[in-house]
Amino acid sequence: MRFRCDTVPLSDGQPGHYLVQVNVCGLCRSDLSSAVSWAREWEEAGHEFGGTIVVGPGAAAPFGVGQRVAVRNASVCRSCPPCLAGRPRDCQRLVVNKQGYREFAWCDERSLVDAEGLDDDRLALVEPTNVALELLDAARLSRGERVVVLGGGTVGLIASFAAMLRHEVAALVVVGRSPEPSVETLGAASYLAFDQATRDAVMRRLGGPVDVVLVTTPPATLPHALDLCRPGGRVLTLGLDRAEACTVALDVWSLIFRRISLTGVFAAPNLHFEAAVSWLRKDGASLGSIVRRRIVFDDLEACFRAWHERGHFDGKTILVNPRLPRETIRRPEWS
């Protein structure tokens, strides 16, 4: 939990790169886990961001100065053997962006997605929406299935909303630790606290056995997920935690004799960014209720420390940067 803020000179850009003024960046639980235990050296953080292009590579470029964009935190390179073979998930040279806590960031063209029409709140939700869509895509939900989402945080709430709206699941219950969840405004059937979410209680809420459990909470909750799931059901997880808490003991009897499948989901590269932006434009207005706190640079360290002490989700926090006049940006020389 050590933090440092530096002022550094803005370098000239490389061909195919755009200078993006960072307008907004979401604070992610992964950033907190990194600050607590993952980071070993000084590392940049901030991967849920978007902004406005202030310098571009020329008139023929696909994005223009003044255009609002969402920035993928991990984009495919499009040139390695797996990419050329049509296997982008196996990309060997991901284009990584973690400059969301900066005022300005040079971003590769391959990382940018047109985000015109999104306000700051929804722009900060593009990356977690991409994660939620990746989770739902891996789950292969069918209409009429009964679903439990473990986790009432940002990804869990977005996934629950999308499952009800896009996949028309029969019933859905969110299980979490938040004292005041926002599930009602997002169309989820109901909410249960972890200590109330027994198998019988969940089945009563859903009107039948659980077909799919989507785990957005830390690995320690996986045994609970296996207990809730019906025989032959599916458990999918993308929850992480502190490094020492990512190893858990599971009852293999549940997996084998109850024929439950357990799948890990990883949202890099970000293959659902365009879909996330499109969906947030069309149906994302109510997701603004997730955002509860808007901060500036000077608040970052205190916010992370308070979040670490609190230990539960009580609304999304986003970092909002001031919009500097475009004429203050020096246009670099392009070779």
C-alpha atoms as a PDB file:
ATOM      1  CA  MET A   1       0.000   0.000   0.000  1.00  0.00           C
ATOM      2  CA  ARG A   2       2.681   2.470  -1.049  1.00  0.00           C
ATOM      3  CA  PHE A   3       1.839   5.122  -3.621  1.00  0.00           C
ATOM      4  CA  ARG A   4       3.826   7.569  -5.675  1.00  0.00           C
ATOM      5  CA  CYS A   5       2.762  10.293  -8.086  1.00  0.00           C
ATOM      6  CA  ASP A   6       5.319  11.612 -10.598  1.00  0.00           C
ATOM      7  CA  THR A   7       5.359  14.448 -13.079  1.00  0.00           C
ATOM      8  CA  VAL A   8       7.088  13.260 -16.246  1.00  0.00           C
ATOM      9  CA  PRO A   9       7.721  14.941 -19.616  1.00  0.00           C
ATOM     10  CA  LEU A  10       5.363  13.946 -22.397  1.00  0.00           C
ATOM     11  CA  SER A  11       7.317  12.068 -25.053  1.00  0.00           C
ATOM     12  CA  ASP A  12       6.751  12.290 -28.779  1.00  0.00           C
ATOM     13  CA  GLY A  13       4.407   9.680 -30.188  1.00  0.00           C
ATOM     14  CA  GLN A  14       5.210   6.771 -32.450  1.00  0.00           C
ATOM     15  CA  PRO A  15       3.499   6.136 -35.805  1.00  0.00           C
ATOM     16  CA  GLY A  16       0.024   4.725 -35.306  1.00  0.00           C
ATOM     17  CA  HIS A  17      -0.302   6.211 -31.822  1.00  0.00           C
ATOM     18  CA  TYR A  18      -2.694   8.846 -30.514  1.00  0.00           C
ATOM     19  CA  LEU A  19      -2.305  11.154 -27.572  1.00  0.00           C
ATOM     20  CA  VAL A  20      -5.399  10.680 -25.427  1.00  0.00           C
ATOM     21  CA  GLN A  21      -6.363  13.091 -22.688  1.00  0.00           C
ATOM     22  CA  VAL A  22      -7.643  10.743 -20.000  1.00  0.00           C
ATOM     23  CA  ASN A  23     -11.092  11.965 -19.001  1.00  0.00           C
ATOM     24  CA  VAL A  24     -12.045   9.169 -16.623  1.00  0.00           C
ATOM     25  CA  CYS A  25     -10.729   5.925 -15.129  1.00  0.00           C
ATOM     26  CA  GLY A  26     -12.502   3.411 -12.951  1.00  0.00           C
ATOM     27  CA  LEU A  27     -10.913   2.060  -9.772  1.00  0.00           C
ATOM     28  CA  CYS A  28     -10.770  -1.717 -10.017  1.00  0.00           C
ATOM     29  CA  ARG A  29     -10.483  -4.374  -7.328  1.00  0.00           C
ATOM     30  CA  SER A  30      -7.506  -5.714  -9.281  1.00  0.00           C
ATOM     31  CA  ASP A  31      -5.749  -2.373  -8.727  1.00  0.00           C
ATOM     32  CA  LEU A  32      -6.354  -2.751  -4.997  1.00  0.00           C
ATOM     33  CA  SER A  33      -5.057  -6.341  -5.000  1.00  0.00           C
ATOM     34  CA  SER A  34      -1.968  -5.141  -6.856  1.00  0.00           C
ATOM     35  CA  ALA A  35      -1.380  -2.379  -4.313  1.00  0.00           C
ATOM     36  CA  VAL A  36      -1.802  -4.839  -1.439  1.00  0.00           C
ATOM     37  CA  SER A  37       0.200  -7.809  -2.662  1.00  0.00           C
ATOM     38  CA  TRP A  38       0.810  -8.277  -6.389  1.00  0.00           C
ATOM     39  CA  ALA A  39       3.176  -5.390  -7.139  1.00  0.00           C
ATOM     40  CA  ARG A  40       6.827  -6.028  -6.383  1.00  0.00           C
ATOM     41  CA  GLU A  41       8.293  -2.878  -7.933  1.00  0.00           C
ATOM     42  CA  TRP A  42       6.722   0.475  -8.769  1.00  0.00           C
ATOM     43  CA  GLU A  43       3.993  -0.215 -11.282  1.00  0.00           C
ATOM     44  CA  GLU A  44       1.498   1.980 -13.046  1.00  0.00           C
ATOM     45  CA  ALA A  45      -2.160   1.331 -12.394  1.00  0.00           C
ATOM     46  CA  GLY A  46      -5.429   2.318 -13.973  1.00  0.00           C
ATOM     47  CA  HIS A  47      -6.818   0.147 -16.764  1.00  0.00           C
ATOM     48  CA  GLU A  48     -10.517   1.111 -16.980  1.00  0.00           C
ATOM     49  CA  PHE A  49     -10.146   4.349 -18.862  1.00  0.00           C
ATOM     50  CA  GLY A  50     -11.124   6.455 -21.800  1.00  0.00           C
ATOM     51  CA  GLY A  51     -10.792  10.004 -22.975  1.00  0.00           C
ATOM     52  CA  THR A  52     -10.464  12.448 -25.836  1.00  0.00           C
ATOM     53  CA  ILE A  53      -7.903  12.372 -28.641  1.00  0.00           C
ATOM     54  CA  VAL A  54      -5.829  15.551 -28.643  1.00  0.00           C
ATOM     55  CA  VAL A  55      -3.097  14.537 -31.118  1.00  0.00           C
ATOM     56  CA  GLY A  56      -3.414  12.098 -34.010  1.00  0.00           C
ATOM     57  CA  PRO A  57      -1.115  10.766 -36.737  1.00  0.00           C
ATOM     58  CA  GLY A  58      -2.758  12.652 -39.592  1.00  0.00           C
ATOM     59  CA  ALA A  59      -5.864  13.377 -41.609  1.00  0.00           C
ATOM     60  CA  ALA A  60      -6.119   9.833 -43.002  1.00  0.00           C
ATOM     61  CA  ALA A  61      -6.129   8.265 -39.539  1.00  0.00           C
ATOM     62  CA  PRO A  62      -9.267   6.332 -38.511  1.00  0.00           C
ATOM     63  CA  PHE A  63      -9.683   8.431 -35.350  1.00  0.00           C
ATOM     64  CA  GLY A  64      -9.752  12.214 -35.267  1.00  0.00           C
ATOM     65  CA  VAL A  65      -8.690  14.946 -32.866  1.00  0.00           C
ATOM     66  CA  GLY A  66     -11.528  15.670 -30.457  1.00  0.00           C
ATOM     67  CA  GLN A  67     -12.985  12.170 -30.753  1.00  0.00           C
ATOM     68  CA  ARG A  68     -13.997  10.365 -27.566  1.00  0.00           C
ATOM     69  CA  VAL A  69     -12.558   6.867 -27.223  1.00  0.00           C
ATOM     70  CA  ALA A  70     -12.503   3.915 -24.875  1.00  0.00           C
ATOM     71  CA  VAL A  71      -9.069   2.351 -24.417  1.00  0.00           C
ATOM     72  CA  ARG A  72      -8.603  -1.409 -24.273  1.00  0.00           C
ATOM     73  CA  ASN A  73      -6.265  -2.431 -21.464  1.00  0.00           C
ATOM     74  CA  ALA A  74      -5.177  -5.407 -23.591  1.00  0.00           C
ATOM     75  CA  SER A  75      -5.538  -5.479 -27.372  1.00  0.00           C
ATOM     76  CA  VAL A  76      -4.461  -8.104 -29.876  1.00  0.00           C
ATOM     77  CA  CYS A  77      -1.368  -7.299 -31.938  1.00  0.00           C
ATOM     78  CA  ARG A  78      -2.919  -8.654 -35.187  1.00  0.00           C
ATOM     79  CA  SER A  79       0.515  -9.724 -36.435  1.00  0.00           C
ATOM     80  CA  CYS A  80       1.747 -12.717 -34.378  1.00  0.00           C
ATOM     81  CA  PRO A  81       1.197 -16.292 -35.695  1.00  0.00           C
ATOM     82  CA  PRO A  82      -1.934 -16.983 -33.554  1.00  0.00           C
ATOM     83  CA  CYS A  83      -3.532 -13.674 -34.613  1.00  0.00           C
ATOM     84  CA  LEU A  84      -2.809 -14.353 -38.290  1.00  0.00           C
ATOM     85  CA  ALA A  85      -4.254 -17.849 -37.854  1.00  0.00           C
ATOM     86  CA  GLY A  86      -7.526 -16.441 -36.510  1.00  0.00           C
ATOM     87  CA  ARG A  87      -6.834 -17.258 -32.836  1.00  0.00           C
ATOM     88  CA  PRO A  88      -6.770 -13.806 -31.177  1.00  0.00           C
ATOM     89  CA  ARG A  89      -7.201 -15.248 -27.679  1.00  0.00           C
ATOM     90  CA  ASP A  90      -3.745 -16.781 -28.066  1.00  0.00           C
ATOM     91  CA  CYS A  91      -2.088 -13.482 -29.080  1.00  0.00           C
ATOM     92  CA  GLN A  92       1.598 -13.562 -28.155  1.00  0.00           C
ATOM     93  CA  ARG A  93       2.216  -9.802 -28.170  1.00  0.00           C
ATOM     94  CA  LEU A  94      -0.691  -8.119 -26.426  1.00  0.00           C
ATOM     95  CA  VAL A  95      -0.790  -4.318 -26.588  1.00  0.00           C
ATOM     96  CA  VAL A  96      -1.165  -3.379 -22.919  1.00  0.00           C
ATOM     97  CA  ASN A  97      -2.460  -0.057 -21.554  1.00  0.00           C
ATOM     98  CA  LYS A  98      -2.321   0.814 -17.848  1.00  0.00           C
ATOM     99  CA  GLN A  99      -2.071   4.589 -18.043  1.00  0.00           C
ATOM    100  CA  GLY A 100      -5.512   5.392 -16.675  1.00  0.00           C
ATOM    101  CA  TYR A 101      -4.257   7.376 -13.700  1.00  0.00           C
ATOM    102  CA  ARG A 102      -2.308   9.712 -15.987  1.00  0.00           C
ATOM    103  CA  GLU A 103      -3.545  12.981 -17.409  1.00  0.00           C
ATOM    104  CA  PHE A 104      -2.401  12.000 -20.902  1.00  0.00           C
ATOM    105  CA  ALA A 105      -1.528   8.668 -22.497  1.00  0.00           C
ATOM    106  CA  TRP A 106      -0.065   7.633 -25.825  1.00  0.00           C
ATOM    107  CA  CYS A 107      -2.275   4.802 -27.077  1.00  0.00           C
ATOM    108  CA  ASP A 108      -1.808   2.435 -29.981  1.00  0.00           C
ATOM    109  CA  GLU A 109      -4.512   2.657 -32.653  1.00  0.00           C
ATOM    110  CA  ARG A 110      -5.315  -1.029 -32.068  1.00  0.00           C
ATOM    111  CA  SER A 111      -6.372  -0.181 -28.506  1.00  0.00           C
ATOM    112  CA  LEU A 112      -8.980   2.450 -29.336  1.00  0.00           C
ATOM    113  CA  VAL A 113     -12.730   2.105 -29.764  1.00  0.00           C
ATOM    114  CA  ASP A 114     -15.067   4.941 -30.749  1.00  0.00           C
ATOM    115  CA  ALA A 115     -17.018   5.941 -27.618  1.00  0.00           C
ATOM    116  CA  GLU A 116     -18.872   9.035 -28.797  1.00  0.00           C
ATOM    117  CA  GLY A 117     -22.087   9.512 -26.861  1.00  0.00           C
ATOM    118  CA  LEU A 118     -20.909   7.945 -23.600  1.00  0.00           C
ATOM    119  CA  ASP A 119     -20.747  10.185 -20.537  1.00  0.00           C
ATOM    120  CA  ASP A 120     -17.910   9.799 -18.031  1.00  0.00           C
ATOM    121  CA  ASP A 121     -19.786   7.300 -15.863  1.00  0.00           C
ATOM    122  CA  ARG A 122     -20.504   4.914 -18.717  1.00  0.00           C
ATOM    123  CA  LEU A 123     -17.068   5.431 -20.296  1.00  0.00           C
ATOM    124  CA  ALA A 124     -15.509   4.219 -17.028  1.00  0.00           C
ATOM    125  CA  LEU A 125     -17.717   1.112 -17.208  1.00  0.00           C
ATOM    126  CA  VAL A 126     -16.647  -0.052 -20.686  1.00  0.00           C
ATOM    127  CA  GLU A 127     -13.798  -2.256 -19.426  1.00  0.00           C
ATOM    128  CA  PRO A 128     -15.790  -3.995 -16.651  1.00  0.00           C
ATOM    129  CA  THR A 129     -18.687  -4.422 -19.098  1.00  0.00           C
ATOM    130  CA  ASN A 130     -16.244  -6.131 -21.465  1.00  0.00           C
ATOM    131  CA  VAL A 131     -15.304  -8.456 -18.584  1.00  0.00           C
ATOM    132  CA  ALA A 132     -18.955  -9.196 -17.800  1.00  0.00           C
ATOM    133  CA  LEU A 133     -19.701  -9.968 -21.459  1.00  0.00           C
ATOM    134  CA  GLU A 134     -16.678 -12.274 -21.616  1.00  0.00           C
ATOM    135  CA  LEU A 135     -18.020 -14.123 -18.580  1.00  0.00           C
ATOM    136  CA  LEU A 136     -21.496 -14.474 -20.084  1.00  0.00           C
ATOM    137  CA  ASP A 137     -20.087 -15.563 -23.435  1.00  0.00           C
ATOM    138  CA  ALA A 138     -18.075 -18.313 -21.750  1.00  0.00           C
ATOM    139  CA  ALA A 139     -21.137 -19.390 -19.740  1.00  0.00           C
ATOM    140  CA  ARG A 140     -23.207 -19.966 -22.912  1.00  0.00           C
ATOM    141  CA  LEU A 141     -26.402 -19.122 -21.093  1.00  0.00           C
ATOM    142  CA  SER A 142     -29.635 -20.475 -22.484  1.00  0.00           C
ATOM    143  CA  ARG A 143     -33.031 -18.858 -22.256  1.00  0.00           C
ATOM    144  CA  GLY A 144     -34.897 -20.102 -19.202  1.00  0.00           C
ATOM    145  CA  GLU A 145     -31.867 -21.106 -17.118  1.00  0.00           C
ATOM    146  CA  ARG A 146     -31.627 -20.230 -13.428  1.00  0.00           C
ATOM    147  CA  VAL A 147     -28.514 -18.271 -12.572  1.00  0.00           C
ATOM    148  CA  VAL A 148     -26.657 -17.213  -9.434  1.00  0.00           C
ATOM    149  CA  VAL A 149     -24.090 -14.415  -9.571  1.00  0.00           C
ATOM    150  CA  LEU A 150     -21.658 -14.487  -6.682  1.00  0.00           C
ATOM    151  CA  GLY A 151     -20.574 -10.911  -6.106  1.00  0.00           C
ATOM    152  CA  GLY A 152     -22.453  -7.637  -5.895  1.00  0.00           C
ATOM    153  CA  GLY A 153     -19.550  -5.561  -7.180  1.00  0.00           C
ATOM    154  CA  THR A 154     -19.227  -3.807 -10.523  1.00  0.00           C
ATOM    155  CA  VAL A 155     -18.713  -6.874 -12.724  1.00  0.00           C
ATOM    156  CA  GLY A 156     -21.281  -8.934 -10.817  1.00  0.00           C
ATOM    157  CA  LEU A 157     -23.979  -6.271 -11.143  1.00  0.00           C
ATOM    158  CA  ILE A 158     -23.278  -5.659 -14.819  1.00  0.00           C
ATOM    159  CA  ALA A 159     -23.270  -9.410 -15.507  1.00  0.00           C
ATOM    160  CA  SER A 160     -26.589  -9.822 -13.703  1.00  0.00           C
ATOM    161  CA  PHE A 161     -28.156  -6.976 -15.682  1.00  0.00           C
ATOM    162  CA  ALA A 162     -26.859  -8.348 -18.995  1.00  0.00           C
ATOM    163  CA  ALA A 163     -27.967 -11.907 -18.185  1.00  0.00           C
ATOM    164  CA  MET A 164     -31.526 -10.756 -17.559  1.00  0.00           C
ATOM    165  CA  LEU A 165     -31.669  -8.387 -20.508  1.00  0.00           C
ATOM    166  CA  ARG A 166     -29.596 -10.083 -23.208  1.00  0.00           C
ATOM    167  CA  HIS A 167     -30.009 -13.779 -22.390  1.00  0.00           C
ATOM    168  CA  GLU A 168     -33.525 -13.808 -20.936  1.00  0.00           C
ATOM    169  CA  VAL A 169     -32.648 -16.188 -18.115  1.00  0.00           C
ATOM    170  CA  ALA A 170     -35.632 -17.456 -16.141  1.00  0.00           C
ATOM    171  CA  ALA A 171     -34.491 -16.155 -12.763  1.00  0.00           C
ATOM    172  CA  LEU A 172     -31.371 -14.693 -11.212  1.00  0.00           C
ATOM    173  CA  VAL A 173     -30.096 -14.124  -7.691  1.00  0.00           C
ATOM    174  CA  VAL A 174     -27.117 -11.963  -6.762  1.00  0.00           C
ATOM    175  CA  VAL A 175     -25.212 -13.112  -3.682  1.00  0.00           C
ATOM    176  CA  GLY A 176     -22.889 -10.590  -2.077  1.00  0.00           C
ATOM    177  CA  ARG A 177     -21.574  -8.730   0.928  1.00  0.00           C
ATOM    178  CA  SER A 178     -22.729  -5.212   0.056  1.00  0.00           C
ATOM    179  CA  PRO A 179     -25.137  -3.792   2.640  1.00  0.00           C
ATOM    180  CA  GLU A 180     -27.026  -1.748   0.027  1.00  0.00           C
ATOM    181  CA  PRO A 181     -26.779  -3.427  -3.360  1.00  0.00           C
ATOM    182  CA  SER A 182     -28.138  -1.851  -6.540  1.00  0.00           C
ATOM    183  CA  VAL A 183     -29.596  -5.048  -7.974  1.00  0.00           C
ATOM    184  CA  GLU A 184     -33.195  -3.867  -7.944  1.00  0.00           C
ATOM    185  CA  THR A 185     -32.477  -1.004 -10.336  1.00  0.00           C
ATOM    186  CA  LEU A 186     -30.579  -3.354 -12.657  1.00  0.00           C
ATOM    187  CA  GLY A 187     -33.339  -5.894 -13.156  1.00  0.00           C
ATOM    188  CA  ALA A 188     -31.953  -8.715 -11.018  1.00  0.00           C
ATOM    189  CA  ALA A 189     -34.585 -10.949  -9.462  1.00  0.00           C
ATOM    190  CA  SER A 190     -33.347 -10.624  -5.900  1.00  0.00           C
ATOM    191  CA  TYR A 191     -30.384 -10.303  -3.574  1.00  0.00           C
ATOM    192  CA  LEU A 192     -29.092 -12.504  -0.763  1.00  0.00           C
ATOM    193  CA  ALA A 193     -26.208 -11.979   1.625  1.00  0.00           C
ATOM    194  CA  PHE A 194     -23.619 -14.750   1.650  1.00  0.00           C
ATOM    195  CA  ASP A 195     -24.624 -15.981   5.088  1.00  0.00           C
ATOM    196  CA  GLN A 196     -28.239 -16.323   3.904  1.00  0.00           C
ATOM    197  CA  ALA A 197     -27.486 -17.990   0.585  1.00  0.00           C
ATOM    198  CA  THR A 198     -27.919 -21.661   1.432  1.00  0.00           C
ATOM    199  CA  ARG A 199     -28.818 -24.069  -1.345  1.00  0.00           C
ATOM    200  CA  ASP A 200     -32.440 -24.291  -0.169  1.00  0.00           C
ATOM    201  CA  ALA A 201     -32.810 -20.516   0.201  1.00  0.00           C
ATOM    202  CA  VAL A 202     -31.425 -19.885  -3.281  1.00  0.00           C
ATOM    203  CA  MET A 203     -33.641 -22.557  -4.833  1.00  0.00           C
ATOM    204  CA  ARG A 204     -36.693 -20.978  -3.231  1.00  0.00           C
ATOM    205  CA  ARG A 205     -35.785 -17.606  -4.709  1.00  0.00           C
ATOM    206  CA  LEU A 206     -35.141 -19.073  -8.155  1.00  0.00           C
ATOM    207  CA  GLY A 207     -38.042 -21.492  -8.191  1.00  0.00           C
ATOM    208  CA  GLY A 208     -35.803 -24.456  -8.861  1.00  0.00           C
ATOM    209  CA  PRO A 209     -32.200 -25.729  -8.932  1.00  0.00           C
ATOM    210  CA  VAL A 210     -29.258 -23.564 -10.000  1.00  0.00           C
ATOM    211  CA  ASP A 211     -28.082 -24.209 -13.558  1.00  0.00           C
ATOM    212  CA  VAL A 212     -25.169 -21.760 -13.651  1.00  0.00           C
ATOM    213  CA  VAL A 213     -23.084 -19.968 -11.015  1.00  0.00           C
ATOM    214  CA  LEU A 214     -21.050 -16.961 -12.183  1.00  0.00           C
ATOM    215  CA  VAL A 215     -18.288 -16.210  -9.676  1.00  0.00           C
ATOM    216  CA  THR A 216     -16.934 -12.660  -9.615  1.00  0.00           C
ATOM    217  CA  THR A 217     -15.848 -12.910  -5.982  1.00  0.00           C
ATOM    218  CA  PRO A 218     -12.470 -14.135  -4.633  1.00  0.00           C
ATOM    219  CA  PRO A 219     -11.439 -17.819  -4.987  1.00  0.00           C
ATOM    220  CA  ALA A 220     -12.405 -18.557  -1.374  1.00  0.00           C
ATOM    221  CA  THR A 221     -16.060 -18.506  -2.505  1.00  0.00           C
ATOM    222  CA  LEU A 222     -15.654 -21.386  -5.002  1.00  0.00           C
ATOM    223  CA  PRO A 223     -16.720 -24.104  -2.523  1.00  0.00           C
ATOM    224  CA  HIS A 224     -19.931 -22.137  -1.933  1.00  0.00           C
ATOM    225  CA  ALA A 225     -20.479 -21.953  -5.701  1.00  0.00           C
ATOM    226  CA  LEU A 226     -20.062 -25.730  -6.084  1.00  0.00           C
ATOM    227  CA  ASP A 227     -22.497 -26.348  -3.237  1.00  0.00           C
ATOM    228  CA  LEU A 228     -25.162 -24.156  -4.843  1.00  0.00           C
ATOM    229  CA  CYS A 229     -24.894 -25.651  -8.325  1.00  0.00           C
ATOM    230  CA  ARG A 230     -27.155 -28.514  -9.416  1.00  0.00           C
ATOM    231  CA  PRO A 231     -25.685 -31.814 -10.686  1.00  0.00           C
ATOM    232  CA  GLY A 232     -24.578 -31.316 -14.266  1.00  0.00           C
ATOM    233  CA  GLY A 233     -24.483 -27.541 -13.842  1.00  0.00           C
ATOM    234  CA  ARG A 234     -21.759 -25.041 -14.658  1.00  0.00           C
ATOM    235  CA  VAL A 235     -19.543 -22.830 -12.488  1.00  0.00           C
ATOM    236  CA  LEU A 236     -17.496 -20.079 -14.130  1.00  0.00           C
ATOM    237  CA  THR A 237     -15.046 -17.889 -12.255  1.00  0.00           C
ATOM    238  CA  LEU A 238     -12.929 -14.816 -12.895  1.00  0.00           C
ATOM    239  CA  GLY A 239     -12.530 -13.676  -9.284  1.00  0.00           C
ATOM    240  CA  LEU A 240      -9.028 -12.982  -7.991  1.00  0.00           C
ATOM    241  CA  ASP A 241      -7.614 -11.878  -4.658  1.00  0.00           C
ATOM    242  CA  ARG A 242      -4.345 -11.237  -2.887  1.00  0.00           C
ATOM    243  CA  ALA A 243      -1.594 -13.522  -4.152  1.00  0.00           C
ATOM    244  CA  GLU A 244      -1.638 -15.705  -1.031  1.00  0.00           C
ATOM    245  CA  ALA A 245      -5.435 -16.067  -1.222  1.00  0.00           C
ATOM    246  CA  CYS A 246      -5.592 -17.406  -4.791  1.00  0.00           C
ATOM    247  CA  THR A 247      -4.980 -21.013  -3.699  1.00  0.00           C
ATOM    248  CA  VAL A 248      -8.060 -22.764  -2.315  1.00  0.00           C
ATOM    249  CA  ALA A 249      -9.156 -26.303  -1.429  1.00  0.00           C
ATOM    250  CA  LEU A 250     -12.039 -27.726  -3.478  1.00  0.00           C
ATOM    251  CA  ASP A 251     -14.174 -30.818  -2.991  1.00  0.00           C
ATOM    252  CA  VAL A 252     -13.367 -32.843  -6.111  1.00  0.00           C
ATOM    253  CA  TRP A 253     -16.241 -35.189  -5.267  1.00  0.00           C
ATOM    254  CA  SER A 254     -18.592 -32.365  -6.272  1.00  0.00           C
ATOM    255  CA  LEU A 255     -16.899 -31.955  -9.623  1.00  0.00           C
ATOM    256  CA  ILE A 256     -16.747 -35.663 -10.468  1.00  0.00           C
ATOM    257  CA  PHE A 257     -19.783 -37.321  -8.958  1.00  0.00           C
ATOM    258  CA  ARG A 258     -22.121 -34.369  -9.452  1.00  0.00           C
ATOM    259  CA  ARG A 259     -20.646 -33.758 -12.929  1.00  0.00           C
ATOM    260  CA  ILE A 260     -20.219 -30.030 -12.366  1.00  0.00           C
ATOM    261  CA  SER A 261     -17.979 -28.219 -14.814  1.00  0.00           C
ATOM    262  CA  LEU A 262     -15.618 -25.519 -13.502  1.00  0.00           C
ATOM    263  CA  THR A 263     -14.265 -22.981 -15.987  1.00  0.00           C
ATOM    264  CA  GLY A 264     -11.829 -20.135 -15.464  1.00  0.00           C
ATOM    265  CA  VAL A 265     -12.462 -16.971 -17.484  1.00  0.00           C
ATOM    266  CA  PHE A 266      -9.873 -14.355 -18.459  1.00  0.00           C
ATOM    267  CA  ALA A 267     -10.987 -11.220 -20.295  1.00  0.00           C
ATOM    268  CA  ALA A 268      -7.686 -10.368 -22.000  1.00  0.00           C
ATOM    269  CA  PRO A 269      -7.489  -9.681 -24.868  1.00  0.00           C
ATOM    270  CA  ASN A 270     -10.520  -7.406 -24.741  1.00  0.00           C
ATOM    271  CA  LEU A 271     -12.643  -8.894 -27.515  1.00  0.00           C
ATOM    272  CA  HIS A 272     -15.972  -7.415 -26.373  1.00  0.00           C
ATOM    273  CA  PHE A 273     -15.084  -3.709 -26.240  1.00  0.00           C
ATOM    274  CA  GLU A 274     -17.127  -2.710 -29.288  1.00  0.00           C
ATOM    275  CA  ALA A 275     -20.090  -4.698 -27.974  1.00  0.00           C
ATOM    276  CA  ALA A 276     -19.656  -3.130 -24.525  1.00  0.00           C
ATOM    277  CA  VAL A 277     -19.685   0.411 -25.943  1.00  0.00           C
ATOM    278  CA  SER A 278     -22.693  -0.346 -28.133  1.00  0.00           C
ATOM    279  CA  TRP A 279     -24.616  -1.897 -25.271  1.00  0.00           C
ATOM    280  CA  LEU A 280     -23.795   0.941 -22.877  1.00  0.00           C
ATOM    281  CA  ARG A 281     -25.022   3.454 -25.454  1.00  0.00           C
ATOM    282  CA  LYS A 282     -28.308   1.602 -25.901  1.00  0.00           C
ATOM    283  CA  ASP A 283     -29.132   0.112 -22.511  1.00  0.00           C
ATOM    284  CA  GLY A 284     -26.527   1.428 -20.082  1.00  0.00           C
ATOM    285  CA  ALA A 285     -28.266   4.469 -18.627  1.00  0.00           C
ATOM    286  CA  SER A 286     -29.411   2.608 -15.510  1.00  0.00           C
ATOM    287  CA  LEU A 287     -25.887   1.301 -14.925  1.00  0.00           C
ATOM    288  CA  GLY A 288     -24.947   4.808 -13.865  1.00  0.00           C
ATOM    289  CA  SER A 289     -26.431   3.916 -10.479  1.00  0.00           C
ATOM    290  CA  ILE A 290     -23.339   1.769  -9.870  1.00  0.00           C
ATOM    291  CA  VAL A 291     -21.107   4.858  -9.821  1.00  0.00           C
ATOM    292  CA  ARG A 292     -21.298   6.350  -6.346  1.00  0.00           C
ATOM    293  CA  ARG A 293     -18.054   8.306  -6.031  1.00  0.00           C
ATOM    294  CA  ARG A 294     -16.120  10.650  -8.331  1.00  0.00           C
ATOM    295  CA  ILE A 295     -12.645  11.656  -7.211  1.00  0.00           C
ATOM    296  CA  VAL A 296      -9.601  13.586  -8.473  1.00  0.00           C
ATOM    297  CA  PHE A 297      -5.892  12.725  -8.412  1.00  0.00           C
ATOM    298  CA  ASP A 298      -5.265  14.020  -4.904  1.00  0.00           C
ATOM    299  CA  ASP A 299      -7.913  11.626  -3.523  1.00  0.00           C
ATOM    300  CA  LEU A 300      -6.466   8.393  -4.971  1.00  0.00           C
ATOM    301  CA  GLU A 301      -4.282   7.197  -2.103  1.00  0.00           C
ATOM    302  CA  ALA A 302      -6.828   7.993   0.618  1.00  0.00           C
ATOM    303  CA  CYS A 303      -9.553   6.320  -1.443  1.00  0.00           C
ATOM    304  CA  PHE A 304      -7.544   3.099  -1.852  1.00  0.00           C
ATOM    305  CA  ARG A 305      -6.722   2.962   1.843  1.00  0.00           C
ATOM    306  CA  ALA A 306     -10.345   3.477   2.846  1.00  0.00           C
ATOM    307  CA  TRP A 307     -11.454   0.814   0.348  1.00  0.00           C
ATOM    308  CA  HIS A 308      -8.908  -1.660   1.716  1.00  0.00           C
ATOM    309  CA  GLU A 309     -10.169  -1.101   5.263  1.00  0.00           C
ATOM    310  CA  ARG A 310     -13.819  -1.292   4.239  1.00  0.00           C
ATOM    311  CA  GLY A 311     -13.467  -4.683   2.548  1.00  0.00           C
ATOM    312  CA  HIS A 312     -16.744  -4.632   0.612  1.00  0.00           C
ATOM    313  CA  PHE A 313     -18.199  -2.939  -2.451  1.00  0.00           C
ATOM    314  CA  ASP A 314     -20.319   0.118  -1.783  1.00  0.00           C
ATOM    315  CA  GLY A 315     -20.509   1.586  -5.250  1.00  0.00           C
ATOM    316  CA  LYS A 316     -18.096   2.221  -8.094  1.00  0.00           C
ATOM    317  CA  THR A 317     -15.449   4.910  -7.667  1.00  0.00           C
ATOM    318  CA  ILE A 318     -14.121   6.696 -10.747  1.00  0.00           C
ATOM    319  CA  LEU A 319     -11.243   9.110 -11.199  1.00  0.00           C
ATOM    320  CA  VAL A 320     -12.316  12.155 -13.209  1.00  0.00           C
ATOM    321  CA  ASN A 321      -9.571  14.285 -14.745  1.00  0.00           C
ATOM    322  CA  PRO A 322      -9.865  17.975 -15.583  1.00  0.00           C
ATOM    323  CA  ARG A 323     -10.245  18.777 -19.241  1.00  0.00           C
ATOM    324  CA  LEU A 324      -7.278  20.896 -20.271  1.00  0.00           C
ATOM    325  CA  PRO A 325      -7.564  23.310 -23.205  1.00  0.00           C
ATOM    326  CA  ARG A 326      -6.493  21.547 -26.390  1.00  0.00           C
ATOM    327  CA  GLU A 327      -4.216  24.444 -27.379  1.00  0.00           C
ATOM    328  CA  THR A 328      -1.929  23.675 -24.405  1.00  0.00           C
ATOM    329  CA  ILE A 329      -0.871  20.396 -26.036  1.00  0.00           C
ATOM    330  CA  ARG A 330       2.312  20.583 -28.109  1.00  0.00           C
ATOM    331  CA  ARG A 331       1.952  18.687 -31.353  1.00  0.00           C
ATOM    332  CA  PRO A 332       4.934  16.329 -31.689  1.00  0.00           C
ATOM    333  CA  GLU A 333       6.965  16.000 -34.877  1.00  0.00           C
ATOM    334  CA  TRP A 334       6.252  12.837 -36.783  1.00  0.00           C
ATOM    335  CA  SER A 335       9.082  11.107 -38.590  1.00  0.00           C
END
